[in-house]
N, C-alpha and C. Protein backbone atom coordinates (compact mmCIF):
# COMPACT_ATOMS: atom_id res chain seq x y z
N MET A 1 43.55 34.93 14.48
CA MET A 1 43.06 33.86 15.33
C MET A 1 41.56 33.99 15.59
N ASN A 2 41.09 35.19 15.89
CA ASN A 2 39.66 35.42 16.09
C ASN A 2 38.88 35.10 14.83
N THR A 3 39.45 35.41 13.66
CA THR A 3 38.79 35.13 12.38
C THR A 3 38.64 33.63 12.21
N LEU A 4 39.67 32.87 12.57
CA LEU A 4 39.63 31.41 12.47
C LEU A 4 38.56 30.84 13.39
N LYS A 5 38.46 31.37 14.61
CA LYS A 5 37.43 30.91 15.56
C LYS A 5 36.04 31.23 15.03
N LEU A 6 35.86 32.43 14.47
CA LEU A 6 34.57 32.82 13.91
C LEU A 6 34.19 31.92 12.74
N LEU A 7 35.17 31.62 11.89
CA LEU A 7 34.93 30.76 10.73
C LEU A 7 34.53 29.36 11.19
N LYS A 8 35.26 28.81 12.16
CA LYS A 8 34.93 27.47 12.69
C LYS A 8 33.54 27.47 13.31
N SER A 9 33.22 28.54 14.07
CA SER A 9 31.92 28.64 14.70
C SER A 9 30.81 28.71 13.65
N ALA A 10 31.04 29.49 12.60
CA ALA A 10 30.05 29.62 11.53
C ALA A 10 29.86 28.29 10.82
N LEU A 11 30.96 27.60 10.51
CA LEU A 11 30.87 26.30 9.85
C LEU A 11 30.14 25.29 10.73
N PHE A 12 30.41 25.33 12.04
CA PHE A 12 29.74 24.41 12.98
C PHE A 12 28.24 24.69 12.98
N THR A 13 27.88 25.99 13.02
CA THR A 13 26.46 26.37 13.01
C THR A 13 25.78 25.90 11.73
N VAL A 14 26.44 26.08 10.58
CA VAL A 14 25.88 25.64 9.30
C VAL A 14 25.71 24.12 9.30
N ALA A 15 26.71 23.40 9.82
CA ALA A 15 26.64 21.93 9.87
C ALA A 15 25.47 21.47 10.75
N ILE A 16 25.30 22.11 11.90
CA ILE A 16 24.19 21.77 12.80
C ILE A 16 22.85 22.06 12.12
N PHE A 17 22.73 23.24 11.51
CA PHE A 17 21.48 23.62 10.84
C PHE A 17 21.15 22.65 9.71
N THR A 18 22.18 22.29 8.93
CA THR A 18 21.98 21.35 7.82
C THR A 18 21.52 20.00 8.34
N SER A 19 22.12 19.54 9.43
CA SER A 19 21.72 18.25 10.01
C SER A 19 20.29 18.31 10.51
N ILE A 20 19.95 19.40 11.19
CA ILE A 20 18.59 19.53 11.73
C ILE A 20 17.58 19.62 10.61
N SER A 21 17.87 20.46 9.58
CA SER A 21 16.89 20.59 8.51
C SER A 21 16.79 19.29 7.71
N GLY A 22 17.89 18.56 7.55
CA GLY A 22 17.85 17.25 6.88
C GLY A 22 17.00 16.28 7.66
N PHE A 23 17.17 16.29 9.00
CA PHE A 23 16.37 15.41 9.85
C PHE A 23 14.90 15.78 9.75
N SER A 24 14.62 17.10 9.77
CA SER A 24 13.23 17.55 9.68
C SER A 24 12.60 17.12 8.37
N GLN A 25 13.34 17.22 7.25
CA GLN A 25 12.81 16.81 5.97
C GLN A 25 12.53 15.31 5.97
N ASP A 26 13.47 14.51 6.52
CA ASP A 26 13.26 13.06 6.60
C ASP A 26 12.03 12.75 7.43
N LYS A 27 11.91 13.43 8.58
CA LYS A 27 10.76 13.20 9.46
C LYS A 27 9.47 13.60 8.76
N MET A 28 9.50 14.74 8.02
CA MET A 28 8.29 15.18 7.32
C MET A 28 7.88 14.16 6.26
N MET A 29 8.83 13.56 5.57
CA MET A 29 8.50 12.56 4.56
C MET A 29 7.85 11.34 5.21
N LYS A 30 8.38 10.93 6.37
CA LYS A 30 7.81 9.78 7.05
C LYS A 30 6.42 10.10 7.59
N ASP A 31 6.24 11.35 8.05
CA ASP A 31 4.98 11.75 8.65
C ASP A 31 4.00 12.31 7.62
N LYS A 32 4.36 12.27 6.35
CA LYS A 32 3.50 12.80 5.29
C LYS A 32 2.13 12.14 5.38
N ILE A 33 1.13 12.97 5.46
CA ILE A 33 -0.23 12.47 5.59
C ILE A 33 -0.88 12.46 4.21
N VAL A 34 -1.39 11.30 3.84
CA VAL A 34 -2.06 11.11 2.56
C VAL A 34 -3.55 11.01 2.84
N MET A 35 -4.34 11.61 1.96
CA MET A 35 -5.80 11.53 2.07
C MET A 35 -6.30 10.39 1.20
N VAL A 36 -7.09 9.50 1.78
CA VAL A 36 -7.70 8.40 1.04
C VAL A 36 -9.16 8.32 1.47
N GLY A 37 -10.05 8.37 0.50
CA GLY A 37 -11.48 8.29 0.82
C GLY A 37 -11.95 9.38 1.75
N GLY A 38 -11.36 10.58 1.62
CA GLY A 38 -11.76 11.71 2.44
C GLY A 38 -11.21 11.69 3.85
N ALA A 39 -10.32 10.75 4.15
CA ALA A 39 -9.77 10.65 5.51
C ALA A 39 -8.25 10.71 5.48
N LYS A 40 -7.69 11.27 6.53
CA LYS A 40 -6.23 11.30 6.66
C LYS A 40 -5.75 9.91 7.03
N MET A 41 -4.69 9.48 6.37
CA MET A 41 -4.07 8.20 6.67
C MET A 41 -2.77 8.48 7.42
N TYR A 42 -2.66 7.98 8.62
CA TYR A 42 -1.52 8.26 9.48
C TYR A 42 -0.53 7.11 9.47
N ALA A 43 0.75 7.43 9.24
CA ALA A 43 1.81 6.41 9.22
C ALA A 43 1.97 5.75 10.59
N SER A 44 1.46 6.39 11.63
CA SER A 44 1.58 5.82 12.98
C SER A 44 0.48 4.79 13.28
N LYS A 45 -0.51 4.67 12.39
CA LYS A 45 -1.60 3.71 12.58
C LYS A 45 -1.39 2.51 11.66
N ASN A 46 -2.00 1.38 12.03
CA ASN A 46 -1.84 0.18 11.20
C ASN A 46 -2.85 0.18 10.05
N ILE A 47 -2.73 -0.80 9.20
CA ILE A 47 -3.54 -0.91 7.99
C ILE A 47 -5.03 -0.84 8.30
N ILE A 48 -5.48 -1.59 9.27
CA ILE A 48 -6.91 -1.63 9.61
C ILE A 48 -7.36 -0.31 10.23
N GLU A 49 -6.55 0.24 11.14
CA GLU A 49 -6.92 1.50 11.79
C GLU A 49 -7.13 2.62 10.77
N ASN A 50 -6.34 2.62 9.71
CA ASN A 50 -6.51 3.64 8.66
C ASN A 50 -7.64 3.28 7.72
N ALA A 51 -7.70 2.04 7.28
CA ALA A 51 -8.70 1.63 6.27
C ALA A 51 -10.13 1.87 6.73
N VAL A 52 -10.42 1.67 8.00
CA VAL A 52 -11.79 1.85 8.49
C VAL A 52 -12.27 3.29 8.35
N ASN A 53 -11.34 4.24 8.19
CA ASN A 53 -11.72 5.65 8.07
C ASN A 53 -11.94 6.10 6.62
N SER A 54 -11.55 5.27 5.66
CA SER A 54 -11.68 5.63 4.25
C SER A 54 -13.08 5.32 3.74
N LYS A 55 -13.78 6.35 3.25
CA LYS A 55 -15.12 6.14 2.68
C LYS A 55 -15.05 5.33 1.39
N ASP A 56 -13.86 5.29 0.76
CA ASP A 56 -13.69 4.55 -0.49
C ASP A 56 -13.40 3.07 -0.29
N HIS A 57 -13.26 2.64 0.98
CA HIS A 57 -12.87 1.26 1.24
C HIS A 57 -13.82 0.53 2.20
N THR A 58 -15.07 0.94 2.25
CA THR A 58 -16.02 0.30 3.16
C THR A 58 -16.29 -1.16 2.77
N THR A 59 -16.32 -1.44 1.48
CA THR A 59 -16.54 -2.83 1.03
C THR A 59 -15.35 -3.68 1.41
N LEU A 60 -14.14 -3.16 1.20
CA LEU A 60 -12.92 -3.91 1.56
C LEU A 60 -12.90 -4.19 3.05
N VAL A 61 -13.22 -3.19 3.85
CA VAL A 61 -13.21 -3.37 5.32
C VAL A 61 -14.25 -4.42 5.72
N ALA A 62 -15.44 -4.37 5.14
CA ALA A 62 -16.48 -5.37 5.44
C ALA A 62 -16.00 -6.77 5.05
N ALA A 63 -15.32 -6.86 3.93
CA ALA A 63 -14.81 -8.16 3.48
C ALA A 63 -13.71 -8.68 4.41
N VAL A 64 -12.82 -7.79 4.84
CA VAL A 64 -11.75 -8.18 5.76
C VAL A 64 -12.34 -8.69 7.07
N LYS A 65 -13.39 -8.02 7.55
CA LYS A 65 -14.06 -8.46 8.78
C LYS A 65 -14.72 -9.82 8.57
N ALA A 66 -15.44 -9.98 7.46
CA ALA A 66 -16.13 -11.25 7.18
C ALA A 66 -15.15 -12.41 7.02
N ALA A 67 -13.94 -12.11 6.55
CA ALA A 67 -12.93 -13.15 6.33
C ALA A 67 -12.07 -13.40 7.56
N ASP A 68 -12.38 -12.71 8.66
CA ASP A 68 -11.60 -12.83 9.90
C ASP A 68 -10.13 -12.51 9.69
N LEU A 69 -9.84 -11.45 8.92
CA LEU A 69 -8.46 -11.06 8.66
C LEU A 69 -8.06 -9.76 9.37
N VAL A 70 -8.96 -9.22 10.21
CA VAL A 70 -8.67 -7.97 10.91
C VAL A 70 -7.43 -8.12 11.78
N GLU A 71 -7.37 -9.18 12.56
CA GLU A 71 -6.24 -9.39 13.47
C GLU A 71 -4.93 -9.53 12.69
N VAL A 72 -4.97 -10.26 11.59
CA VAL A 72 -3.76 -10.46 10.77
C VAL A 72 -3.26 -9.13 10.24
N LEU A 73 -4.15 -8.33 9.62
CA LEU A 73 -3.75 -7.07 9.02
C LEU A 73 -3.51 -5.96 10.04
N SER A 74 -3.83 -6.23 11.30
CA SER A 74 -3.51 -5.29 12.38
C SER A 74 -2.17 -5.68 13.00
N GLY A 75 -1.68 -6.87 12.62
CA GLY A 75 -0.44 -7.41 13.19
C GLY A 75 0.79 -6.65 12.76
N GLU A 76 1.92 -7.15 13.22
CA GLU A 76 3.21 -6.48 13.04
C GLU A 76 3.61 -6.31 11.58
N GLY A 77 3.35 -7.32 10.75
CA GLY A 77 3.74 -7.23 9.34
C GLY A 77 5.25 -7.27 9.17
N PRO A 78 5.79 -6.54 8.23
CA PRO A 78 5.13 -5.57 7.37
C PRO A 78 4.41 -6.23 6.19
N PHE A 79 3.37 -5.53 5.72
CA PHE A 79 2.57 -5.97 4.58
C PHE A 79 2.48 -4.86 3.54
N THR A 80 2.36 -5.27 2.30
CA THR A 80 2.00 -4.35 1.23
C THR A 80 0.62 -4.78 0.78
N VAL A 81 -0.33 -3.85 0.83
CA VAL A 81 -1.70 -4.17 0.45
C VAL A 81 -2.09 -3.35 -0.78
N PHE A 82 -2.55 -4.05 -1.80
CA PHE A 82 -3.13 -3.41 -2.96
C PHE A 82 -4.62 -3.36 -2.67
N ALA A 83 -5.10 -2.18 -2.27
CA ALA A 83 -6.45 -2.02 -1.70
C ALA A 83 -7.47 -1.54 -2.73
N PRO A 84 -8.36 -2.45 -3.18
CA PRO A 84 -9.39 -2.04 -4.13
C PRO A 84 -10.43 -1.12 -3.47
N THR A 85 -10.87 -0.15 -4.23
CA THR A 85 -11.89 0.78 -3.75
C THR A 85 -13.28 0.14 -3.87
N ASN A 86 -14.27 0.82 -3.31
CA ASN A 86 -15.66 0.37 -3.46
C ASN A 86 -16.03 0.27 -4.94
N GLU A 87 -15.60 1.25 -5.73
CA GLU A 87 -15.88 1.23 -7.16
C GLU A 87 -15.26 0.01 -7.84
N ALA A 88 -14.09 -0.40 -7.35
CA ALA A 88 -13.45 -1.60 -7.90
C ALA A 88 -14.32 -2.83 -7.63
N PHE A 89 -14.86 -2.93 -6.42
CA PHE A 89 -15.75 -4.05 -6.10
C PHE A 89 -17.04 -3.99 -6.93
N ASP A 90 -17.50 -2.75 -7.20
CA ASP A 90 -18.72 -2.58 -8.01
C ASP A 90 -18.55 -3.08 -9.44
N LYS A 91 -17.32 -3.16 -9.92
CA LYS A 91 -17.05 -3.65 -11.28
C LYS A 91 -17.25 -5.17 -11.41
N LEU A 92 -17.23 -5.87 -10.26
CA LEU A 92 -17.41 -7.33 -10.30
C LEU A 92 -18.83 -7.66 -10.75
N PRO A 93 -19.04 -8.84 -11.32
CA PRO A 93 -20.40 -9.22 -11.73
C PRO A 93 -21.38 -9.09 -10.55
N GLU A 94 -22.60 -8.69 -10.88
CA GLU A 94 -23.63 -8.48 -9.86
C GLU A 94 -23.77 -9.71 -8.96
N GLY A 95 -23.82 -9.46 -7.66
CA GLY A 95 -23.99 -10.53 -6.68
C GLY A 95 -22.69 -11.16 -6.19
N THR A 96 -21.56 -10.87 -6.83
CA THR A 96 -20.28 -11.48 -6.45
C THR A 96 -19.89 -11.13 -5.02
N VAL A 97 -19.96 -9.84 -4.68
CA VAL A 97 -19.54 -9.41 -3.34
C VAL A 97 -20.45 -10.03 -2.28
N GLN A 98 -21.76 -9.99 -2.51
CA GLN A 98 -22.70 -10.56 -1.53
C GLN A 98 -22.45 -12.06 -1.35
N THR A 99 -22.15 -12.75 -2.43
CA THR A 99 -21.87 -14.19 -2.36
C THR A 99 -20.59 -14.44 -1.57
N LEU A 100 -19.55 -13.65 -1.84
CA LEU A 100 -18.28 -13.83 -1.14
C LEU A 100 -18.40 -13.54 0.36
N LEU A 101 -19.32 -12.64 0.72
CA LEU A 101 -19.47 -12.27 2.13
C LEU A 101 -20.25 -13.30 2.94
N MET A 102 -20.85 -14.30 2.28
CA MET A 102 -21.59 -15.33 3.00
C MET A 102 -20.62 -16.20 3.81
N PRO A 103 -21.02 -16.57 5.03
CA PRO A 103 -20.14 -17.37 5.89
C PRO A 103 -19.61 -18.64 5.23
N GLU A 104 -20.42 -19.28 4.40
CA GLU A 104 -19.98 -20.53 3.76
C GLU A 104 -18.89 -20.29 2.69
N ASN A 105 -18.67 -19.03 2.32
CA ASN A 105 -17.64 -18.72 1.32
C ASN A 105 -16.42 -18.03 1.92
N LYS A 106 -16.26 -18.18 3.23
CA LYS A 106 -15.18 -17.50 3.96
C LYS A 106 -13.80 -17.86 3.41
N MET A 107 -13.57 -19.12 3.08
CA MET A 107 -12.25 -19.55 2.57
C MET A 107 -11.97 -18.89 1.21
N LYS A 108 -12.98 -18.82 0.38
CA LYS A 108 -12.83 -18.20 -0.94
C LYS A 108 -12.55 -16.70 -0.79
N LEU A 109 -13.26 -16.07 0.14
CA LEU A 109 -13.06 -14.65 0.41
C LEU A 109 -11.64 -14.40 0.93
N GLN A 110 -11.19 -15.25 1.84
CA GLN A 110 -9.82 -15.12 2.36
C GLN A 110 -8.80 -15.23 1.22
N ALA A 111 -9.03 -16.16 0.29
CA ALA A 111 -8.11 -16.34 -0.84
C ALA A 111 -8.07 -15.08 -1.71
N VAL A 112 -9.24 -14.49 -1.96
CA VAL A 112 -9.30 -13.27 -2.78
C VAL A 112 -8.58 -12.11 -2.07
N LEU A 113 -8.85 -11.94 -0.79
CA LEU A 113 -8.26 -10.82 -0.05
C LEU A 113 -6.76 -10.98 0.13
N THR A 114 -6.29 -12.18 0.48
CA THR A 114 -4.85 -12.37 0.68
C THR A 114 -4.09 -12.34 -0.65
N TYR A 115 -4.81 -12.44 -1.76
CA TYR A 115 -4.21 -12.28 -3.08
C TYR A 115 -3.81 -10.82 -3.32
N HIS A 116 -4.35 -9.91 -2.53
CA HIS A 116 -4.03 -8.48 -2.62
C HIS A 116 -2.92 -8.08 -1.65
N VAL A 117 -2.36 -9.04 -0.93
CA VAL A 117 -1.38 -8.75 0.11
C VAL A 117 -0.04 -9.42 -0.23
N VAL A 118 1.02 -8.65 -0.08
CA VAL A 118 2.38 -9.14 -0.31
C VAL A 118 3.15 -8.98 1.00
N ALA A 119 3.94 -9.99 1.36
CA ALA A 119 4.77 -9.89 2.56
C ALA A 119 5.86 -8.85 2.33
N GLY A 120 6.12 -8.04 3.34
CA GLY A 120 7.14 -7.00 3.25
C GLY A 120 6.53 -5.67 2.88
N LYS A 121 7.34 -4.63 3.00
CA LYS A 121 6.89 -3.28 2.65
C LYS A 121 7.51 -2.90 1.31
N TRP A 122 6.66 -2.82 0.28
CA TRP A 122 7.10 -2.51 -1.08
C TRP A 122 6.51 -1.17 -1.48
N ASN A 123 7.29 -0.08 -1.33
CA ASN A 123 6.77 1.21 -1.76
C ASN A 123 6.92 1.33 -3.27
N ALA A 124 6.41 2.41 -3.83
CA ALA A 124 6.41 2.59 -5.29
C ALA A 124 7.82 2.54 -5.86
N LYS A 125 8.76 3.12 -5.15
CA LYS A 125 10.16 3.11 -5.60
C LYS A 125 10.67 1.68 -5.72
N ASP A 126 10.33 0.83 -4.75
CA ASP A 126 10.74 -0.58 -4.79
C ASP A 126 10.10 -1.30 -5.97
N LEU A 127 8.81 -1.03 -6.19
CA LEU A 127 8.09 -1.66 -7.31
C LEU A 127 8.71 -1.25 -8.64
N LEU A 128 9.05 0.03 -8.77
CA LEU A 128 9.65 0.52 -10.00
C LEU A 128 11.02 -0.15 -10.26
N LYS A 129 11.78 -0.34 -9.19
CA LYS A 129 13.07 -1.04 -9.32
C LYS A 129 12.86 -2.47 -9.81
N LEU A 130 11.87 -3.15 -9.22
CA LEU A 130 11.57 -4.53 -9.63
C LEU A 130 11.14 -4.59 -11.10
N ILE A 131 10.31 -3.65 -11.51
CA ILE A 131 9.82 -3.61 -12.89
C ILE A 131 11.00 -3.38 -13.84
N LYS A 132 11.87 -2.46 -13.48
CA LYS A 132 13.04 -2.17 -14.30
C LYS A 132 13.96 -3.40 -14.39
N LYS A 133 14.17 -4.03 -13.25
CA LYS A 133 15.03 -5.22 -13.19
C LYS A 133 14.44 -6.35 -14.06
N GLY A 134 13.12 -6.45 -14.07
CA GLY A 134 12.43 -7.48 -14.85
C GLY A 134 12.17 -7.07 -16.30
N LYS A 135 12.83 -5.99 -16.73
CA LYS A 135 12.70 -5.50 -18.11
C LYS A 135 11.26 -5.17 -18.49
N GLY A 136 10.58 -4.50 -17.57
CA GLY A 136 9.23 -4.03 -17.85
C GLY A 136 8.13 -4.73 -17.07
N LYS A 137 8.46 -5.85 -16.43
CA LYS A 137 7.45 -6.58 -15.64
C LYS A 137 8.10 -7.18 -14.41
N ALA A 138 7.34 -7.23 -13.33
CA ALA A 138 7.83 -7.84 -12.10
C ALA A 138 6.77 -8.78 -11.56
N GLU A 139 7.09 -10.06 -11.47
CA GLU A 139 6.17 -11.03 -10.88
C GLU A 139 6.38 -11.05 -9.38
N ILE A 140 5.28 -10.95 -8.65
CA ILE A 140 5.34 -10.84 -7.19
C ILE A 140 4.43 -11.90 -6.58
N LYS A 141 4.98 -12.67 -5.63
CA LYS A 141 4.20 -13.68 -4.90
C LYS A 141 3.33 -12.99 -3.85
N THR A 142 2.09 -13.40 -3.78
CA THR A 142 1.18 -12.84 -2.78
C THR A 142 1.11 -13.78 -1.58
N VAL A 143 0.52 -13.28 -0.51
CA VAL A 143 0.36 -14.07 0.71
C VAL A 143 -0.49 -15.32 0.44
N SER A 144 -1.40 -15.23 -0.53
CA SER A 144 -2.26 -16.38 -0.85
C SER A 144 -1.51 -17.48 -1.59
N GLY A 145 -0.28 -17.16 -2.06
CA GLY A 145 0.50 -18.13 -2.83
C GLY A 145 0.42 -17.91 -4.33
N GLY A 146 -0.46 -17.00 -4.75
CA GLY A 146 -0.59 -16.68 -6.17
C GLY A 146 0.45 -15.67 -6.60
N THR A 147 0.37 -15.27 -7.85
CA THR A 147 1.32 -14.31 -8.42
C THR A 147 0.57 -13.15 -9.07
N ILE A 148 1.06 -11.95 -8.82
CA ILE A 148 0.57 -10.77 -9.52
C ILE A 148 1.76 -10.19 -10.29
N THR A 149 1.47 -9.43 -11.33
CA THR A 149 2.53 -8.84 -12.14
C THR A 149 2.40 -7.33 -12.15
N ALA A 150 3.48 -6.66 -11.76
CA ALA A 150 3.52 -5.20 -11.78
C ALA A 150 4.19 -4.74 -13.07
N TRP A 151 3.65 -3.67 -13.67
CA TRP A 151 4.21 -3.14 -14.91
C TRP A 151 3.84 -1.67 -15.05
N LEU A 152 4.46 -1.01 -15.99
CA LEU A 152 4.21 0.42 -16.20
C LEU A 152 3.47 0.68 -17.50
N LYS A 153 2.60 1.66 -17.45
CA LYS A 153 1.95 2.18 -18.65
C LYS A 153 2.10 3.68 -18.53
N GLY A 154 3.02 4.24 -19.30
CA GLY A 154 3.37 5.64 -19.13
C GLY A 154 4.03 5.79 -17.77
N GLU A 155 3.47 6.66 -16.96
CA GLU A 155 4.00 6.90 -15.61
C GLU A 155 3.26 6.07 -14.54
N ALA A 156 2.17 5.43 -14.93
CA ALA A 156 1.32 4.72 -13.98
C ALA A 156 1.76 3.26 -13.78
N VAL A 157 1.66 2.80 -12.54
CA VAL A 157 1.93 1.40 -12.21
C VAL A 157 0.62 0.64 -12.29
N TYR A 158 0.67 -0.50 -12.93
CA TYR A 158 -0.49 -1.39 -13.04
C TYR A 158 -0.13 -2.73 -12.41
N ILE A 159 -1.14 -3.42 -11.92
CA ILE A 159 -0.99 -4.76 -11.36
C ILE A 159 -1.94 -5.67 -12.13
N THR A 160 -1.42 -6.77 -12.66
CA THR A 160 -2.25 -7.71 -13.41
C THR A 160 -2.35 -9.01 -12.63
N ASP A 161 -3.57 -9.55 -12.54
CA ASP A 161 -3.76 -10.82 -11.83
C ASP A 161 -3.53 -12.00 -12.78
N GLU A 162 -3.69 -13.20 -12.25
CA GLU A 162 -3.43 -14.42 -13.02
C GLU A 162 -4.47 -14.67 -14.12
N ASN A 163 -5.55 -13.90 -14.10
CA ASN A 163 -6.60 -14.04 -15.11
C ASN A 163 -6.51 -12.97 -16.20
N GLY A 164 -5.50 -12.10 -16.10
CA GLY A 164 -5.33 -11.06 -17.11
C GLY A 164 -6.02 -9.75 -16.80
N ASN A 165 -6.70 -9.64 -15.64
CA ASN A 165 -7.34 -8.39 -15.23
C ASN A 165 -6.27 -7.43 -14.71
N SER A 166 -6.34 -6.17 -15.11
CA SER A 166 -5.35 -5.20 -14.66
C SER A 166 -5.98 -4.11 -13.81
N ALA A 167 -5.26 -3.74 -12.76
CA ALA A 167 -5.68 -2.68 -11.85
C ALA A 167 -4.63 -1.58 -11.88
N LYS A 168 -5.10 -0.34 -11.95
CA LYS A 168 -4.19 0.80 -11.91
C LYS A 168 -4.00 1.23 -10.46
N VAL A 169 -2.76 1.52 -10.09
CA VAL A 169 -2.49 2.09 -8.77
C VAL A 169 -2.85 3.57 -8.85
N THR A 170 -3.91 3.95 -8.12
CA THR A 170 -4.40 5.33 -8.19
C THR A 170 -3.81 6.21 -7.09
N ILE A 171 -3.46 5.60 -5.96
CA ILE A 171 -2.77 6.30 -4.88
C ILE A 171 -1.69 5.36 -4.37
N ALA A 172 -0.45 5.78 -4.47
CA ALA A 172 0.68 4.93 -4.03
C ALA A 172 1.22 5.43 -2.69
N ASP A 173 1.92 4.54 -2.03
CA ASP A 173 2.69 4.89 -0.84
C ASP A 173 1.89 5.51 0.30
N VAL A 174 0.82 4.84 0.68
CA VAL A 174 0.07 5.27 1.86
C VAL A 174 0.68 4.48 3.02
N ASN A 175 1.68 5.09 3.67
CA ASN A 175 2.45 4.39 4.69
C ASN A 175 1.63 4.12 5.94
N GLN A 176 1.87 2.95 6.51
CA GLN A 176 1.19 2.47 7.71
C GLN A 176 2.26 2.05 8.72
N SER A 177 1.88 1.87 9.97
CA SER A 177 2.86 1.43 10.96
C SER A 177 3.31 -0.01 10.69
N ASN A 178 2.50 -0.77 9.96
CA ASN A 178 2.84 -2.17 9.68
C ASN A 178 2.93 -2.46 8.18
N GLY A 179 3.27 -1.43 7.40
CA GLY A 179 3.44 -1.66 5.97
C GLY A 179 3.04 -0.47 5.13
N VAL A 180 2.49 -0.77 3.96
CA VAL A 180 2.11 0.28 3.01
C VAL A 180 0.88 -0.16 2.22
N ILE A 181 0.05 0.78 1.88
CA ILE A 181 -1.13 0.51 1.04
C ILE A 181 -0.94 1.24 -0.29
N HIS A 182 -1.31 0.55 -1.37
CA HIS A 182 -1.42 1.17 -2.68
C HIS A 182 -2.88 0.99 -3.09
N VAL A 183 -3.59 2.07 -3.32
CA VAL A 183 -4.99 2.01 -3.70
C VAL A 183 -5.08 1.62 -5.18
N ILE A 184 -5.97 0.66 -5.49
CA ILE A 184 -6.14 0.22 -6.88
C ILE A 184 -7.61 0.33 -7.30
N ASP A 185 -7.81 0.38 -8.62
CA ASP A 185 -9.17 0.61 -9.15
C ASP A 185 -9.90 -0.63 -9.64
N THR A 186 -9.31 -1.81 -9.44
CA THR A 186 -9.92 -3.06 -9.89
C THR A 186 -9.57 -4.16 -8.88
N VAL A 187 -10.51 -5.05 -8.63
CA VAL A 187 -10.25 -6.19 -7.74
C VAL A 187 -9.42 -7.22 -8.51
N LEU A 188 -8.36 -7.69 -7.86
CA LEU A 188 -7.51 -8.74 -8.44
C LEU A 188 -8.07 -10.10 -8.03
N LEU A 189 -8.09 -11.03 -8.96
CA LEU A 189 -8.66 -12.35 -8.66
C LEU A 189 -7.64 -13.46 -8.94
N PRO A 190 -7.45 -14.33 -7.94
CA PRO A 190 -6.53 -15.45 -8.16
C PRO A 190 -7.11 -16.44 -9.17
N LYS A 191 -6.25 -17.24 -9.75
CA LYS A 191 -6.70 -18.26 -10.70
C LYS A 191 -7.62 -19.23 -9.96
N ALA A 192 -8.76 -19.51 -10.53
CA ALA A 192 -9.75 -20.38 -9.86
C ALA A 192 -9.32 -21.84 -9.90
């Protein structure tokens, strides 16, 4: 009888430990801190709160401010943002960014920026499922009303815009309190 009690107690202890360690692993995955642009990205902060700290996204942040989209991207969401780096903006023809940042081009800037945003939280695993389901390609509607296409090249996920420009996802699954960011190396442009 004492052996049975000891066995039950040991099994109960193992079950409790397994539950606690499983919970801790789940919590650690959610709290996983990703570095972007030399800054820690916290899952407890929203898209804007994190983006302003990334040295690699100063152009994007300036554009979001000029387009009056700070409040939207700070909102509840959830949103999936394909976030071009400063280098991605530098690839655009000379003068493009400065022209887009002019007050008279605010609507055009909003269209470009919302073309990088998808409603809902789509992590890399979700994107891969969509690509597989679409037999190698997944067409995704953006907040701007346009379409982007996700696809794989080797192990890397790429996003192609309506003009045939492709951006590589360089950092995936940067979780935010209101969605997720995937860092990309090229600016996506909607069909003019």
